[in-house]
mmCIF file of all heavy atoms, coordinates in Angstrom:
data_MODEL
# 
_entry.id   MODEL 
# 
loop_
_atom_site.group_PDB 
_atom_site.id 
_atom_site.type_symbol 
_atom_site.label_atom_id 
_atom_site.label_alt_id 
_atom_site.label_comp_id 
_atom_site.label_asym_id 
_atom_site.label_entity_id 
_atom_site.label_seq_id 
_atom_site.pdbx_PDB_ins_code 
_atom_site.Cartn_x 
_atom_site.Cartn_y 
_atom_site.Cartn_z 
_atom_site.occupancy 
_atom_site.B_iso_or_equiv 
_atom_site.pdbx_formal_charge 
_atom_site.auth_seq_id 
_atom_site.auth_comp_id 
_atom_site.auth_asym_id 
_atom_site.auth_atom_id 
_atom_site.pdbx_PDB_model_num 
ATOM 1   N N   . GLY A 1 1  ? 5.565  11.879 -22.875 1.00 0.00 ? 1  GLY A N   1 
ATOM 2   C CA  . GLY A 1 1  ? 6.027  10.617 -22.312 1.00 0.00 ? 1  GLY A CA  1 
ATOM 3   C C   . GLY A 1 1  ? 6.436  10.684 -20.859 1.00 0.00 ? 1  GLY A C   1 
ATOM 4   O O   . GLY A 1 1  ? 6.772  9.649  -20.269 1.00 0.00 ? 1  GLY A O   1 
ATOM 5   N N   . THR A 1 2  ? 6.427  11.863 -20.255 1.00 0.00 ? 2  THR A N   1 
ATOM 6   C CA  . THR A 1 2  ? 6.732  11.966 -18.833 1.00 0.00 ? 2  THR A CA  1 
ATOM 7   C C   . THR A 1 2  ? 5.655  11.257 -18.021 1.00 0.00 ? 2  THR A C   1 
ATOM 8   O O   . THR A 1 2  ? 4.465  11.453 -18.253 1.00 0.00 ? 2  THR A O   1 
ATOM 9   C CB  . THR A 1 2  ? 6.818  13.441 -18.391 1.00 0.00 ? 2  THR A CB  1 
ATOM 10  O OG1 . THR A 1 2  ? 7.856  14.082 -19.135 1.00 0.00 ? 2  THR A OG1 1 
ATOM 11  C CG2 . THR A 1 2  ? 7.126  13.541 -16.902 1.00 0.00 ? 2  THR A CG2 1 
ATOM 12  N N   . LEU A 1 3  ? 6.078  10.434 -17.070 1.00 0.00 ? 3  LEU A N   1 
ATOM 13  C CA  . LEU A 1 3  ? 5.155  9.658  -16.250 1.00 0.00 ? 3  LEU A CA  1 
ATOM 14  C C   . LEU A 1 3  ? 5.110  10.209 -14.839 1.00 0.00 ? 3  LEU A C   1 
ATOM 15  O O   . LEU A 1 3  ? 6.133  10.619 -14.281 1.00 0.00 ? 3  LEU A O   1 
ATOM 16  C CB  . LEU A 1 3  ? 5.593  8.191  -16.199 1.00 0.00 ? 3  LEU A CB  1 
ATOM 17  C CG  . LEU A 1 3  ? 5.695  7.457  -17.527 1.00 0.00 ? 3  LEU A CG  1 
ATOM 18  C CD1 . LEU A 1 3  ? 6.199  6.040  -17.302 1.00 0.00 ? 3  LEU A CD1 1 
ATOM 19  C CD2 . LEU A 1 3  ? 4.361  7.453  -18.252 1.00 0.00 ? 3  LEU A CD2 1 
ATOM 20  N N   . HIS A 1 4  ? 3.908  10.208 -14.251 1.00 0.00 ? 4  HIS A N   1 
ATOM 21  C CA  . HIS A 1 4  ? 3.708  10.584 -12.859 1.00 0.00 ? 4  HIS A CA  1 
ATOM 22  C C   . HIS A 1 4  ? 3.049  9.398  -12.159 1.00 0.00 ? 4  HIS A C   1 
ATOM 23  O O   . HIS A 1 4  ? 1.970  8.961  -12.566 1.00 0.00 ? 4  HIS A O   1 
ATOM 24  C CB  . HIS A 1 4  ? 2.823  11.821 -12.761 1.00 0.00 ? 4  HIS A CB  1 
ATOM 25  C CG  . HIS A 1 4  ? 3.368  13.015 -13.469 1.00 0.00 ? 4  HIS A CG  1 
ATOM 26  N ND1 . HIS A 1 4  ? 4.166  13.954 -12.855 1.00 0.00 ? 4  HIS A ND1 1 
ATOM 27  C CD2 . HIS A 1 4  ? 3.246  13.414 -14.774 1.00 0.00 ? 4  HIS A CD2 1 
ATOM 28  C CE1 . HIS A 1 4  ? 4.508  14.888 -13.725 1.00 0.00 ? 4  HIS A CE1 1 
ATOM 29  N NE2 . HIS A 1 4  ? 3.963  14.585 -14.897 1.00 0.00 ? 4  HIS A NE2 1 
ATOM 30  N N   . LEU A 1 5  ? 3.694  8.896  -11.124 1.00 0.00 ? 5  LEU A N   1 
ATOM 31  C CA  . LEU A 1 5  ? 3.241  7.695  -10.432 1.00 0.00 ? 5  LEU A CA  1 
ATOM 32  C C   . LEU A 1 5  ? 3.033  7.988  -8.955  1.00 0.00 ? 5  LEU A C   1 
ATOM 33  O O   . LEU A 1 5  ? 3.903  8.564  -8.293  1.00 0.00 ? 5  LEU A O   1 
ATOM 34  C CB  . LEU A 1 5  ? 4.272  6.574  -10.593 1.00 0.00 ? 5  LEU A CB  1 
ATOM 35  C CG  . LEU A 1 5  ? 4.064  5.313  -9.764  1.00 0.00 ? 5  LEU A CG  1 
ATOM 36  C CD1 . LEU A 1 5  ? 2.805  4.579  -10.215 1.00 0.00 ? 5  LEU A CD1 1 
ATOM 37  C CD2 . LEU A 1 5  ? 5.281  4.401  -9.875  1.00 0.00 ? 5  LEU A CD2 1 
ATOM 38  N N   . LEU A 1 6  ? 1.876  7.596  -8.430  1.00 0.00 ? 6  LEU A N   1 
ATOM 39  C CA  . LEU A 1 6  ? 1.575  7.660  -7.004  1.00 0.00 ? 6  LEU A CA  1 
ATOM 40  C C   . LEU A 1 6  ? 1.218  6.258  -6.519  1.00 0.00 ? 6  LEU A C   1 
ATOM 41  O O   . LEU A 1 6  ? 0.608  5.474  -7.255  1.00 0.00 ? 6  LEU A O   1 
ATOM 42  C CB  . LEU A 1 6  ? 0.391  8.585  -6.732  1.00 0.00 ? 6  LEU A CB  1 
ATOM 43  C CG  . LEU A 1 6  ? 0.600  10.090 -6.897  1.00 0.00 ? 6  LEU A CG  1 
ATOM 44  C CD1 . LEU A 1 6  ? -0.742 10.796 -6.846  1.00 0.00 ? 6  LEU A CD1 1 
ATOM 45  C CD2 . LEU A 1 6  ? 1.519  10.635 -5.813  1.00 0.00 ? 6  LEU A CD2 1 
ATOM 46  N N   . TRP A 1 7  ? 1.599  5.946  -5.270  1.00 0.00 ? 7  TRP A N   1 
ATOM 47  C CA  . TRP A 1 7  ? 1.154  4.700  -4.670  1.00 0.00 ? 7  TRP A CA  1 
ATOM 48  C C   . TRP A 1 7  ? 1.163  4.840  -3.153  1.00 0.00 ? 7  TRP A C   1 
ATOM 49  O O   . TRP A 1 7  ? 1.801  5.732  -2.595  1.00 0.00 ? 7  TRP A O   1 
ATOM 50  C CB  . TRP A 1 7  ? 2.012  3.524  -5.119  1.00 0.00 ? 7  TRP A CB  1 
ATOM 51  C CG  . TRP A 1 7  ? 3.399  3.466  -4.526  1.00 0.00 ? 7  TRP A CG  1 
ATOM 52  C CD1 . TRP A 1 7  ? 3.782  2.821  -3.375  1.00 0.00 ? 7  TRP A CD1 1 
ATOM 53  C CD2 . TRP A 1 7  ? 4.586  4.061  -5.057  1.00 0.00 ? 7  TRP A CD2 1 
ATOM 54  N NE1 . TRP A 1 7  ? 5.126  2.976  -3.165  1.00 0.00 ? 7  TRP A NE1 1 
ATOM 55  C CE2 . TRP A 1 7  ? 5.656  3.738  -4.191  1.00 0.00 ? 7  TRP A CE2 1 
ATOM 56  C CE3 . TRP A 1 7  ? 4.859  4.825  -6.191  1.00 0.00 ? 7  TRP A CE3 1 
ATOM 57  C CZ2 . TRP A 1 7  ? 6.960  4.161  -4.407  1.00 0.00 ? 7  TRP A CZ2 1 
ATOM 58  C CZ3 . TRP A 1 7  ? 6.160  5.252  -6.411  1.00 0.00 ? 7  TRP A CZ3 1 
ATOM 59  C CH2 . TRP A 1 7  ? 7.191  4.916  -5.537  1.00 0.00 ? 7  TRP A CH2 1 
ATOM 60  N N   . SER A 1 8  ? 0.433  3.962  -2.469  1.00 0.00 ? 8  SER A N   1 
ATOM 61  C CA  . SER A 1 8  ? 0.433  3.946  -1.012  1.00 0.00 ? 8  SER A CA  1 
ATOM 62  C C   . SER A 1 8  ? 1.440  2.928  -0.524  1.00 0.00 ? 8  SER A C   1 
ATOM 63  O O   . SER A 1 8  ? 1.677  1.901  -1.170  1.00 0.00 ? 8  SER A O   1 
ATOM 64  C CB  . SER A 1 8  ? -0.963 3.622  -0.466  1.00 0.00 ? 8  SER A CB  1 
ATOM 65  O OG  . SER A 1 8  ? -1.366 2.329  -0.873  1.00 0.00 ? 8  SER A OG  1 
ATOM 66  N N   . ASP A 1 9  ? 2.037  3.227  0.632   1.00 0.00 ? 9  ASP A N   1 
ATOM 67  C CA  . ASP A 1 9  ? 3.089  2.367  1.163   1.00 0.00 ? 9  ASP A CA  1 
ATOM 68  C C   . ASP A 1 9  ? 2.884  2.222  2.668   1.00 0.00 ? 9  ASP A C   1 
ATOM 69  O O   . ASP A 1 9  ? 2.943  3.203  3.405   1.00 0.00 ? 9  ASP A O   1 
ATOM 70  C CB  . ASP A 1 9  ? 4.465  2.964  0.871   1.00 0.00 ? 9  ASP A CB  1 
ATOM 71  C CG  . ASP A 1 9  ? 5.522  1.892  0.718   1.00 0.00 ? 9  ASP A CG  1 
ATOM 72  O OD1 . ASP A 1 9  ? 5.818  1.232  1.728   1.00 0.00 ? 9  ASP A OD1 1 
ATOM 73  O OD2 . ASP A 1 9  ? 6.041  1.709  -0.395  1.00 0.00 ? 9  ASP A OD2 1 
ATOM 74  N N   . LEU A 1 10 ? 2.631  0.996  3.107   1.00 0.00 ? 10 LEU A N   1 
ATOM 75  C CA  . LEU A 1 10 ? 2.379  0.720  4.514   1.00 0.00 ? 10 LEU A CA  1 
ATOM 76  C C   . LEU A 1 10 ? 3.672  0.207  5.140   1.00 0.00 ? 10 LEU A C   1 
ATOM 77  O O   . LEU A 1 10 ? 4.001  -0.978 5.052   1.00 0.00 ? 10 LEU A O   1 
ATOM 78  C CB  . LEU A 1 10 ? 1.267  -0.311 4.657   1.00 0.00 ? 10 LEU A CB  1 
ATOM 79  C CG  . LEU A 1 10 ? 0.775  -0.596 6.077   1.00 0.00 ? 10 LEU A CG  1 
ATOM 80  C CD1 . LEU A 1 10 ? 0.185  0.669  6.703   1.00 0.00 ? 10 LEU A CD1 1 
ATOM 81  C CD2 . LEU A 1 10 ? -0.248 -1.718 6.060   1.00 0.00 ? 10 LEU A CD2 1 
ATOM 82  N N   . LEU A 1 11 ? 4.411  1.123  5.778   1.00 0.00 ? 11 LEU A N   1 
ATOM 83  C CA  . LEU A 1 11 ? 5.686  0.755  6.402   1.00 0.00 ? 11 LEU A CA  1 
ATOM 84  C C   . LEU A 1 11 ? 5.473  0.021  7.717   1.00 0.00 ? 11 LEU A C   1 
ATOM 85  O O   . LEU A 1 11 ? 6.287  -0.808 8.117   1.00 0.00 ? 11 LEU A O   1 
ATOM 86  C CB  . LEU A 1 11 ? 6.535  2.000  6.616   1.00 0.00 ? 11 LEU A CB  1 
ATOM 87  C CG  . LEU A 1 11 ? 6.916  2.759  5.334   1.00 0.00 ? 11 LEU A CG  1 
ATOM 88  C CD1 . LEU A 1 11 ? 7.716  4.005  5.677   1.00 0.00 ? 11 LEU A CD1 1 
ATOM 89  C CD2 . LEU A 1 11 ? 7.710  1.864  4.392   1.00 0.00 ? 11 LEU A CD2 1 
ATOM 90  N N   . SER A 1 12 ? 4.394  0.341  8.424   1.00 0.00 ? 12 SER A N   1 
ATOM 91  C CA  . SER A 1 12 ? 4.007  -0.364 9.640   1.00 0.00 ? 12 SER A CA  1 
ATOM 92  C C   . SER A 1 12 ? 2.515  -0.148 9.840   1.00 0.00 ? 12 SER A C   1 
ATOM 93  O O   . SER A 1 12 ? 1.867  0.553  9.059   1.00 0.00 ? 12 SER A O   1 
ATOM 94  C CB  . SER A 1 12 ? 4.802  0.141  10.845  1.00 0.00 ? 12 SER A CB  1 
ATOM 95  O OG  . SER A 1 12 ? 4.455  1.487  11.140  1.00 0.00 ? 12 SER A OG  1 
ATOM 96  N N   . ALA A 1 13 ? 1.959  -0.715 10.906  1.00 0.00 ? 13 ALA A N   1 
ATOM 97  C CA  . ALA A 1 13 ? 0.513  -0.645 11.120  1.00 0.00 ? 13 ALA A CA  1 
ATOM 98  C C   . ALA A 1 13 ? 0.009  0.782  11.252  1.00 0.00 ? 13 ALA A C   1 
ATOM 99  O O   . ALA A 1 13 ? -1.151 1.063  10.924  1.00 0.00 ? 13 ALA A O   1 
ATOM 100 C CB  . ALA A 1 13 ? 0.142  -1.450 12.360  1.00 0.00 ? 13 ALA A CB  1 
ATOM 101 N N   . ASP A 1 14 ? 0.838  1.695  11.727  1.00 0.00 ? 14 ASP A N   1 
ATOM 102 C CA  . ASP A 1 14 ? 0.408  3.090  11.909  1.00 0.00 ? 14 ASP A CA  1 
ATOM 103 C C   . ASP A 1 14 ? 1.269  4.067  11.114  1.00 0.00 ? 14 ASP A C   1 
ATOM 104 O O   . ASP A 1 14 ? 1.388  5.227  11.475  1.00 0.00 ? 14 ASP A O   1 
ATOM 105 C CB  . ASP A 1 14 ? 0.431  3.468  13.392  1.00 0.00 ? 14 ASP A CB  1 
ATOM 106 C CG  . ASP A 1 14 ? 1.803  3.281  14.026  1.00 0.00 ? 14 ASP A CG  1 
ATOM 107 O OD1 . ASP A 1 14 ? 2.697  2.752  13.333  1.00 0.00 ? 14 ASP A OD1 1 
ATOM 108 O OD2 . ASP A 1 14 ? 1.973  3.663  15.200  1.00 0.00 ? 14 ASP A OD2 1 
ATOM 109 N N   . ASP A 1 15 ? 1.882  3.596  10.036  1.00 0.00 ? 15 ASP A N   1 
ATOM 110 C CA  . ASP A 1 15 ? 2.777  4.445  9.235   1.00 0.00 ? 15 ASP A CA  1 
ATOM 111 C C   . ASP A 1 15 ? 2.455  4.277  7.758   1.00 0.00 ? 15 ASP A C   1 
ATOM 112 O O   . ASP A 1 15 ? 3.151  3.583  7.023   1.00 0.00 ? 15 ASP A O   1 
ATOM 113 C CB  . ASP A 1 15 ? 4.233  4.085  9.518   1.00 0.00 ? 15 ASP A CB  1 
ATOM 114 C CG  . ASP A 1 15 ? 5.214  5.080  8.881   1.00 0.00 ? 15 ASP A CG  1 
ATOM 115 O OD1 . ASP A 1 15 ? 4.751  6.146  8.413   1.00 0.00 ? 15 ASP A OD1 1 
ATOM 116 O OD2 . ASP A 1 15 ? 6.423  4.794  8.847   1.00 0.00 ? 15 ASP A OD2 1 
ATOM 117 N N   . LEU A 1 16 ? 1.355  4.916  7.322   1.00 0.00 ? 16 LEU A N   1 
ATOM 118 C CA  . LEU A 1 16 ? 0.932  4.866  5.921   1.00 0.00 ? 16 LEU A CA  1 
ATOM 119 C C   . LEU A 1 16 ? 1.419  6.116  5.208   1.00 0.00 ? 16 LEU A C   1 
ATOM 120 O O   . LEU A 1 16 ? 1.222  7.235  5.684   1.00 0.00 ? 16 LEU A O   1 
ATOM 121 C CB  . LEU A 1 16 ? -0.593 4.767  5.842   1.00 0.00 ? 16 LEU A CB  1 
ATOM 122 C CG  . LEU A 1 16 ? -1.188 4.752  4.435   1.00 0.00 ? 16 LEU A CG  1 
ATOM 123 C CD1 . LEU A 1 16 ? -0.763 3.498  3.683   1.00 0.00 ? 16 LEU A CD1 1 
ATOM 124 C CD2 . LEU A 1 16 ? -2.710 4.840  4.504   1.00 0.00 ? 16 LEU A CD2 1 
ATOM 125 N N   . ASN A 1 17 ? 2.071  5.939  4.062   1.00 0.00 ? 17 ASN A N   1 
ATOM 126 C CA  . ASN A 1 17 ? 2.618  7.043  3.289   1.00 0.00 ? 17 ASN A CA  1 
ATOM 127 C C   . ASN A 1 17 ? 2.117  6.992  1.856   1.00 0.00 ? 17 ASN A C   1 
ATOM 128 O O   . ASN A 1 17 ? 1.666  5.944  1.377   1.00 0.00 ? 17 ASN A O   1 
ATOM 129 C CB  . ASN A 1 17 ? 4.149  6.974  3.266   1.00 0.00 ? 17 ASN A CB  1 
ATOM 130 C CG  . ASN A 1 17 ? 4.760  7.087  4.642   1.00 0.00 ? 17 ASN A CG  1 
ATOM 131 O OD1 . ASN A 1 17 ? 5.068  8.175  5.106   1.00 0.00 ? 17 ASN A OD1 1 
ATOM 132 N ND2 . ASN A 1 17 ? 4.944  5.955  5.316   1.00 0.00 ? 17 ASN A ND2 1 
ATOM 133 N N   . VAL A 1 18 ? 2.202  8.134  1.188   1.00 0.00 ? 18 VAL A N   1 
ATOM 134 C CA  . VAL A 1 18 ? 1.996  8.189  -0.251  1.00 0.00 ? 18 VAL A CA  1 
ATOM 135 C C   . VAL A 1 18 ? 3.332  8.531  -0.897  1.00 0.00 ? 18 VAL A C   1 
ATOM 136 O O   . VAL A 1 18 ? 3.996  9.488  -0.487  1.00 0.00 ? 18 VAL A O   1 
ATOM 137 C CB  . VAL A 1 18 ? 0.933  9.241  -0.627  1.00 0.00 ? 18 VAL A CB  1 
ATOM 138 C CG1 . VAL A 1 18 ? 0.877  9.412  -2.143  1.00 0.00 ? 18 VAL A CG1 1 
ATOM 139 C CG2 . VAL A 1 18 ? -0.434 8.828  -0.103  1.00 0.00 ? 18 VAL A CG2 1 
ATOM 140 N N   . TYR A 1 19 ? 3.731  7.732  -1.877  1.00 0.00 ? 19 TYR A N   1 
ATOM 141 C CA  . TYR A 1 19 ? 4.988  7.963  -2.581  1.00 0.00 ? 19 TYR A CA  1 
ATOM 142 C C   . TYR A 1 19 ? 4.710  8.457  -4.001  1.00 0.00 ? 19 TYR A C   1 
ATOM 143 O O   . TYR A 1 19 ? 3.684  8.127  -4.600  1.00 0.00 ? 19 TYR A O   1 
ATOM 144 C CB  . TYR A 1 19 ? 5.797  6.665  -2.658  1.00 0.00 ? 19 TYR A CB  1 
ATOM 145 C CG  . TYR A 1 19 ? 6.625  6.375  -1.434  1.00 0.00 ? 19 TYR A CG  1 
ATOM 146 C CD1 . TYR A 1 19 ? 6.028  6.095  -0.209  1.00 0.00 ? 19 TYR A CD1 1 
ATOM 147 C CD2 . TYR A 1 19 ? 8.019  6.358  -1.499  1.00 0.00 ? 19 TYR A CD2 1 
ATOM 148 C CE1 . TYR A 1 19 ? 6.777  5.813  0.915   1.00 0.00 ? 19 TYR A CE1 1 
ATOM 149 C CE2 . TYR A 1 19 ? 8.780  6.078  -0.379  1.00 0.00 ? 19 TYR A CE2 1 
ATOM 150 C CZ  . TYR A 1 19 ? 8.157  5.806  0.816   1.00 0.00 ? 19 TYR A CZ  1 
ATOM 151 O OH  . TYR A 1 19 ? 8.907  5.529  1.925   1.00 0.00 ? 19 TYR A OH  1 
ATOM 152 N N   . TYR A 1 20 ? 5.659  9.211  -4.527  1.00 0.00 ? 20 TYR A N   1 
ATOM 153 C CA  . TYR A 1 20 ? 5.534  9.794  -5.869  1.00 0.00 ? 20 TYR A CA  1 
ATOM 154 C C   . TYR A 1 20 ? 6.837  9.621  -6.631  1.00 0.00 ? 20 TYR A C   1 
ATOM 155 O O   . TYR A 1 20 ? 7.923  9.801  -6.071  1.00 0.00 ? 20 TYR A O   1 
ATOM 156 C CB  . TYR A 1 20 ? 5.207  11.285 -5.751  1.00 0.00 ? 20 TYR A CB  1 
ATOM 157 C CG  . TYR A 1 20 ? 5.344  12.070 -7.048  1.00 0.00 ? 20 TYR A CG  1 
ATOM 158 C CD1 . TYR A 1 20 ? 4.377  11.970 -8.054  1.00 0.00 ? 20 TYR A CD1 1 
ATOM 159 C CD2 . TYR A 1 20 ? 6.438  12.907 -7.262  1.00 0.00 ? 20 TYR A CD2 1 
ATOM 160 C CE1 . TYR A 1 20 ? 4.506  12.687 -9.226  1.00 0.00 ? 20 TYR A CE1 1 
ATOM 161 C CE2 . TYR A 1 20 ? 6.573  13.630 -8.432  1.00 0.00 ? 20 TYR A CE2 1 
ATOM 162 C CZ  . TYR A 1 20 ? 5.602  13.525 -9.418  1.00 0.00 ? 20 TYR A CZ  1 
ATOM 163 O OH  . TYR A 1 20 ? 5.735  14.240 -10.581 1.00 0.00 ? 20 TYR A OH  1 
ATOM 164 N N   . ARG A 1 21 ? 6.724  9.290  -7.913  1.00 0.00 ? 21 ARG A N   1 
ATOM 165 C CA  . ARG A 1 21 ? 7.885  9.272  -8.809  1.00 0.00 ? 21 ARG A CA  1 
ATOM 166 C C   . ARG A 1 21 ? 7.500  9.966  -10.104 1.00 0.00 ? 21 ARG A C   1 
ATOM 167 O O   . ARG A 1 21 ? 6.376  9.849  -10.578 1.00 0.00 ? 21 ARG A O   1 
ATOM 168 C CB  . ARG A 1 21 ? 8.359  7.847  -9.119  1.00 0.00 ? 21 ARG A CB  1 
ATOM 169 C CG  . ARG A 1 21 ? 8.927  7.127  -7.937  1.00 0.00 ? 21 ARG A CG  1 
ATOM 170 C CD  . ARG A 1 21 ? 9.620  5.832  -8.325  1.00 0.00 ? 21 ARG A CD  1 
ATOM 171 N NE  . ARG A 1 21 ? 10.977 6.089  -8.733  1.00 0.00 ? 21 ARG A NE  1 
ATOM 172 C CZ  . ARG A 1 21 ? 11.973 5.196  -8.604  1.00 0.00 ? 21 ARG A CZ  1 
ATOM 173 N NH1 . ARG A 1 21 ? 11.742 4.018  -8.081  1.00 0.00 ? 21 ARG A NH1 1 
ATOM 174 N NH2 . ARG A 1 21 ? 13.190 5.490  -9.004  1.00 0.00 ? 21 ARG A NH2 1 
ATOM 175 N N   . ARG A 1 22 ? 8.476  10.651 -10.670 1.00 0.00 ? 22 ARG A N   1 
ATOM 176 C CA  . ARG A 1 22 ? 8.285  11.343 -11.943 1.00 0.00 ? 22 ARG A CA  1 
ATOM 177 C C   . ARG A 1 22 ? 9.451  11.003 -12.852 1.00 0.00 ? 22 ARG A C   1 
ATOM 178 O O   . ARG A 1 22 ? 10.600 11.022 -12.431 1.00 0.00 ? 22 ARG A O   1 
ATOM 179 C CB  . ARG A 1 22 ? 8.222  12.856 -11.723 1.00 0.00 ? 22 ARG A CB  1 
ATOM 180 C CG  . ARG A 1 22 ? 8.108  13.684 -12.997 1.00 0.00 ? 22 ARG A CG  1 
ATOM 181 C CD  . ARG A 1 22 ? 8.079  15.173 -12.657 1.00 0.00 ? 22 ARG A CD  1 
ATOM 182 N NE  . ARG A 1 22 ? 7.908  16.021 -13.825 1.00 0.00 ? 22 ARG A NE  1 
ATOM 183 C CZ  . ARG A 1 22 ? 8.893  16.425 -14.603 1.00 0.00 ? 22 ARG A CZ  1 
ATOM 184 N NH1 . ARG A 1 22 ? 10.154 16.091 -14.331 1.00 0.00 ? 22 ARG A NH1 1 
ATOM 185 N NH2 . ARG A 1 22 ? 8.633  17.186 -15.658 1.00 0.00 ? 22 ARG A NH2 1 
ATOM 186 N N   . GLY A 1 23 ? 9.162  10.694 -14.098 1.00 0.00 ? 23 GLY A N   1 
ATOM 187 C CA  . GLY A 1 23 ? 10.240 10.372 -15.031 1.00 0.00 ? 23 GLY A CA  1 
ATOM 188 C C   . GLY A 1 23 ? 9.837  9.239  -15.955 1.00 0.00 ? 23 GLY A C   1 
ATOM 189 O O   . GLY A 1 23 ? 8.654  9.021  -16.218 1.00 0.00 ? 23 GLY A O   1 
ATOM 190 N N   . GLN A 1 24 ? 10.849 8.508  -16.401 1.00 0.00 ? 24 GLN A N   1 
ATOM 191 C CA  . GLN A 1 24 ? 10.636 7.398  -17.318 1.00 0.00 ? 24 GLN A CA  1 
ATOM 192 C C   . GLN A 1 24 ? 11.044 6.103  -16.641 1.00 0.00 ? 24 GLN A C   1 
ATOM 193 O O   . GLN A 1 24 ? 12.208 5.735  -16.617 1.00 0.00 ? 24 GLN A O   1 
ATOM 194 C CB  . GLN A 1 24 ? 11.459 7.605  -18.599 1.00 0.00 ? 24 GLN A CB  1 
ATOM 195 C CG  . GLN A 1 24 ? 11.064 8.824  -19.405 1.00 0.00 ? 24 GLN A CG  1 
ATOM 196 C CD  . GLN A 1 24 ? 9.819  8.598  -20.228 1.00 0.00 ? 24 GLN A CD  1 
ATOM 197 O OE1 . GLN A 1 24 ? 9.374  7.470  -20.382 1.00 0.00 ? 24 GLN A OE1 1 
ATOM 198 N NE2 . GLN A 1 24 ? 9.239  9.662  -20.749 1.00 0.00 ? 24 GLN A NE2 1 
ATOM 199 N N   . ALA A 1 25 ? 10.083 5.436  -16.012 1.00 0.00 ? 25 ALA A N   1 
ATOM 200 C CA  . ALA A 1 25 ? 10.300 4.109  -15.417 1.00 0.00 ? 25 ALA A CA  1 
ATOM 201 C C   . ALA A 1 25 ? 11.485 4.073  -14.474 1.00 0.00 ? 25 ALA A C   1 
ATOM 202 O O   . ALA A 1 25 ? 12.404 3.287  -14.636 1.00 0.00 ? 25 ALA A O   1 
ATOM 203 C CB  . ALA A 1 25 ? 10.471 3.057  -16.515 1.00 0.00 ? 25 ALA A CB  1 
ATOM 204 N N   . GLY A 1 26 ? 11.487 4.959  -13.503 1.00 0.00 ? 26 GLY A N   1 
ATOM 205 C CA  . GLY A 1 26 ? 12.502 4.858  -12.456 1.00 0.00 ? 26 GLY A CA  1 
ATOM 206 C C   . GLY A 1 26 ? 13.647 5.820  -12.621 1.00 0.00 ? 26 GLY A C   1 
ATOM 207 O O   . GLY A 1 26 ? 14.769 5.524  -12.203 1.00 0.00 ? 26 GLY A O   1 
ATOM 208 N N   . ALA A 1 27 ? 13.418 6.993  -13.205 1.00 0.00 ? 27 ALA A N   1 
ATOM 209 C CA  . ALA A 1 27 ? 14.501 7.942  -13.449 1.00 0.00 ? 27 ALA A CA  1 
ATOM 210 C C   . ALA A 1 27 ? 14.792 8.842  -12.266 1.00 0.00 ? 27 ALA A C   1 
ATOM 211 O O   . ALA A 1 27 ? 15.787 9.534  -12.248 1.00 0.00 ? 27 ALA A O   1 
ATOM 212 C CB  . ALA A 1 27 ? 14.192 8.793  -14.670 1.00 0.00 ? 27 ALA A CB  1 
# 
């Protein structure tokens, strides 16, 4: 049941990041 989540996050026009979370829906 452990979840691994990746997503892209555009903080500004030249600041693209990849974010990661691990756990159970926001742990």
